[in-house]
N, C-alpha and C. Protein backbone atom coordinates (compact mmCIF):
# COMPACT_ATOMS: atom_id res chain seq x y z
N MET A 1 -12.66 7.66 -11.93
CA MET A 1 -12.31 7.96 -10.57
C MET A 1 -11.68 9.36 -10.52
N LYS A 2 -12.05 10.14 -9.55
CA LYS A 2 -11.53 11.50 -9.43
C LYS A 2 -10.10 11.49 -8.91
N HIS A 3 -9.40 12.58 -9.18
CA HIS A 3 -8.03 12.73 -8.70
C HIS A 3 -7.98 12.67 -7.17
N THR A 4 -8.98 13.26 -6.51
CA THR A 4 -8.99 13.24 -5.04
C THR A 4 -9.18 11.83 -4.52
N ASP A 5 -9.87 10.99 -5.27
CA ASP A 5 -10.03 9.60 -4.84
C ASP A 5 -8.67 8.90 -4.80
N HIS A 6 -7.84 9.16 -5.80
CA HIS A 6 -6.50 8.57 -5.81
C HIS A 6 -5.68 9.06 -4.63
N LYS A 7 -5.82 10.33 -4.29
CA LYS A 7 -5.10 10.87 -3.13
C LYS A 7 -5.54 10.17 -1.85
N ALA A 8 -6.84 9.94 -1.71
CA ALA A 8 -7.35 9.26 -0.52
C ALA A 8 -6.85 7.82 -0.45
N ILE A 9 -6.80 7.17 -1.58
CA ILE A 9 -6.32 5.78 -1.61
C ILE A 9 -4.84 5.73 -1.26
N ARG A 10 -4.05 6.62 -1.83
CA ARG A 10 -2.61 6.64 -1.52
C ARG A 10 -2.37 6.97 -0.06
N ARG A 11 -3.17 7.88 0.50
CA ARG A 11 -3.03 8.20 1.91
C ARG A 11 -3.37 6.99 2.78
N ALA A 12 -4.43 6.27 2.43
CA ALA A 12 -4.81 5.07 3.18
C ALA A 12 -3.71 4.01 3.12
N ILE A 13 -3.09 3.86 1.95
CA ILE A 13 -1.99 2.90 1.82
C ILE A 13 -0.84 3.30 2.73
N LEU A 14 -0.45 4.58 2.69
CA LEU A 14 0.66 5.04 3.51
C LEU A 14 0.35 4.95 5.00
N GLU A 15 -0.88 5.26 5.40
CA GLU A 15 -1.25 5.15 6.81
C GLU A 15 -1.20 3.70 7.29
N THR A 16 -1.67 2.79 6.45
CA THR A 16 -1.65 1.37 6.81
C THR A 16 -0.22 0.87 6.92
N LEU A 17 0.63 1.24 5.97
CA LEU A 17 2.03 0.82 6.02
C LEU A 17 2.75 1.42 7.23
N TYR A 18 2.45 2.67 7.55
CA TYR A 18 3.10 3.32 8.69
C TYR A 18 2.68 2.67 10.01
N ALA A 19 1.40 2.34 10.14
CA ALA A 19 0.92 1.66 11.36
C ALA A 19 1.58 0.29 11.50
N ALA A 20 1.72 -0.42 10.39
CA ALA A 20 2.38 -1.73 10.44
C ALA A 20 3.86 -1.58 10.81
N TYR A 21 4.50 -0.54 10.29
CA TYR A 21 5.90 -0.28 10.62
C TYR A 21 6.08 0.03 12.10
N LEU A 22 5.17 0.81 12.66
CA LEU A 22 5.28 1.14 14.08
C LEU A 22 5.10 -0.08 14.96
N SER A 23 4.26 -1.02 14.56
CA SER A 23 4.05 -2.22 15.36
C SER A 23 5.20 -3.20 15.24
N ASP A 24 5.80 -3.32 14.05
CA ASP A 24 6.95 -4.22 13.85
C ASP A 24 7.72 -3.75 12.61
N PRO A 25 8.83 -3.05 12.81
CA PRO A 25 9.56 -2.48 11.67
C PRO A 25 10.14 -3.51 10.69
N LEU A 26 10.31 -4.75 11.11
CA LEU A 26 10.91 -5.75 10.23
C LEU A 26 9.89 -6.58 9.47
N ARG A 27 8.62 -6.44 9.79
CA ARG A 27 7.58 -7.25 9.15
C ARG A 27 7.18 -6.64 7.81
N MET A 28 7.01 -7.49 6.82
CA MET A 28 6.50 -7.04 5.52
C MET A 28 4.98 -7.06 5.58
N VAL A 29 4.35 -6.15 4.87
CA VAL A 29 2.89 -6.05 4.84
C VAL A 29 2.38 -6.77 3.61
N GLU A 30 1.47 -7.72 3.83
CA GLU A 30 0.88 -8.46 2.73
C GLU A 30 -0.26 -7.64 2.12
N PRO A 31 -0.58 -7.87 0.86
CA PRO A 31 -1.68 -7.13 0.22
C PRO A 31 -3.01 -7.27 0.97
N GLU A 32 -3.25 -8.41 1.59
CA GLU A 32 -4.51 -8.63 2.29
C GLU A 32 -4.69 -7.63 3.43
N ALA A 33 -3.58 -7.21 4.05
CA ALA A 33 -3.67 -6.21 5.12
C ALA A 33 -4.11 -4.87 4.55
N LEU A 34 -3.71 -4.57 3.33
CA LEU A 34 -4.13 -3.33 2.69
C LEU A 34 -5.59 -3.40 2.25
N PHE A 35 -6.02 -4.57 1.78
CA PHE A 35 -7.40 -4.73 1.31
C PHE A 35 -8.40 -4.65 2.44
N ALA A 36 -7.96 -4.81 3.67
CA ALA A 36 -8.86 -4.71 4.82
C ALA A 36 -9.30 -3.27 5.05
N ARG A 37 -8.60 -2.33 4.46
CA ARG A 37 -8.93 -0.90 4.58
C ARG A 37 -9.93 -0.55 3.48
N PRO A 38 -11.11 -0.01 3.80
CA PRO A 38 -12.21 0.14 2.83
C PRO A 38 -11.90 0.79 1.48
N PRO A 39 -11.21 1.93 1.37
CA PRO A 39 -11.10 2.47 0.01
C PRO A 39 -10.13 1.70 -0.89
N ILE A 40 -9.37 0.77 -0.33
CA ILE A 40 -8.36 0.06 -1.12
C ILE A 40 -8.95 -1.25 -1.64
N THR A 41 -8.88 -1.42 -2.96
CA THR A 41 -9.34 -2.66 -3.59
C THR A 41 -8.24 -3.19 -4.50
N ARG A 42 -8.44 -4.38 -5.01
CA ARG A 42 -7.45 -4.96 -5.93
C ARG A 42 -7.32 -4.13 -7.20
N GLU A 43 -8.40 -3.50 -7.62
CA GLU A 43 -8.38 -2.73 -8.87
C GLU A 43 -7.64 -1.40 -8.70
N ASN A 44 -7.79 -0.74 -7.57
CA ASN A 44 -7.19 0.58 -7.44
C ASN A 44 -5.83 0.59 -6.74
N ILE A 45 -5.42 -0.53 -6.20
CA ILE A 45 -4.13 -0.53 -5.51
C ILE A 45 -2.97 -0.51 -6.51
N ILE A 46 -3.12 -1.14 -7.65
CA ILE A 46 -2.00 -1.28 -8.58
C ILE A 46 -1.48 0.07 -9.08
N PRO A 47 -2.32 0.93 -9.65
CA PRO A 47 -1.75 2.21 -10.11
C PRO A 47 -1.26 3.09 -8.96
N ASN A 48 -1.93 3.00 -7.82
CA ASN A 48 -1.55 3.86 -6.70
C ASN A 48 -0.28 3.39 -6.00
N ILE A 49 -0.08 2.11 -5.86
CA ILE A 49 1.16 1.63 -5.22
C ILE A 49 2.35 1.88 -6.15
N HIS A 50 2.13 1.78 -7.46
CA HIS A 50 3.21 2.09 -8.41
C HIS A 50 3.54 3.59 -8.39
N TYR A 51 2.52 4.42 -8.21
CA TYR A 51 2.75 5.86 -8.08
C TYR A 51 3.61 6.13 -6.85
N LEU A 52 3.28 5.52 -5.73
CA LEU A 52 4.06 5.71 -4.50
C LEU A 52 5.48 5.16 -4.66
N TYR A 53 5.61 4.06 -5.38
CA TYR A 53 6.93 3.48 -5.64
C TYR A 53 7.76 4.42 -6.53
N ASP A 54 7.15 4.97 -7.56
CA ASP A 54 7.86 5.90 -8.44
C ASP A 54 8.34 7.14 -7.70
N ARG A 55 7.59 7.56 -6.68
CA ARG A 55 7.96 8.72 -5.88
C ARG A 55 8.90 8.34 -4.73
N LYS A 56 9.30 7.06 -4.69
CA LYS A 56 10.21 6.53 -3.67
C LYS A 56 9.65 6.65 -2.25
N LEU A 57 8.33 6.50 -2.14
CA LEU A 57 7.68 6.53 -0.83
C LEU A 57 7.46 5.14 -0.26
N VAL A 58 7.49 4.12 -1.12
CA VAL A 58 7.35 2.74 -0.67
C VAL A 58 8.36 1.88 -1.44
N GLU A 59 8.63 0.71 -0.89
CA GLU A 59 9.44 -0.30 -1.59
C GLU A 59 8.52 -1.47 -1.91
N MET A 60 8.74 -2.06 -3.08
CA MET A 60 7.93 -3.21 -3.48
C MET A 60 8.83 -4.41 -3.71
N MET A 61 8.33 -5.57 -3.34
CA MET A 61 8.99 -6.83 -3.64
C MET A 61 8.03 -7.61 -4.52
N MET A 62 8.44 -7.82 -5.76
CA MET A 62 7.56 -8.52 -6.68
C MET A 62 8.05 -9.96 -6.82
N GLY A 63 7.10 -10.87 -6.75
CA GLY A 63 7.43 -12.27 -6.92
C GLY A 63 8.07 -12.91 -5.71
N TYR A 64 7.89 -12.32 -4.52
CA TYR A 64 8.50 -12.87 -3.30
C TYR A 64 7.63 -13.98 -2.76
N THR A 65 8.24 -15.09 -2.41
CA THR A 65 7.53 -16.19 -1.77
C THR A 65 8.17 -16.42 -0.41
N PRO A 66 7.41 -16.23 0.67
CA PRO A 66 7.99 -16.42 2.00
C PRO A 66 8.44 -17.86 2.21
N PRO A 67 9.48 -18.06 3.02
CA PRO A 67 10.00 -19.42 3.26
C PRO A 67 9.04 -20.28 4.04
């Protein structure tokens, strides 16, 4: 995968999260909402979401089970 592909995937993740935040700032975004966006797949989301987390652009909750 090219470096520009990773940039496009990270941008799509951030755009999706930002749109969800604008609609409801308190709602958490499930992975399925991200997978609905074409360039984002289960295989490419992991390294890219960790990259965004390392840059402090997103927060992650691992192992969360909603009530």
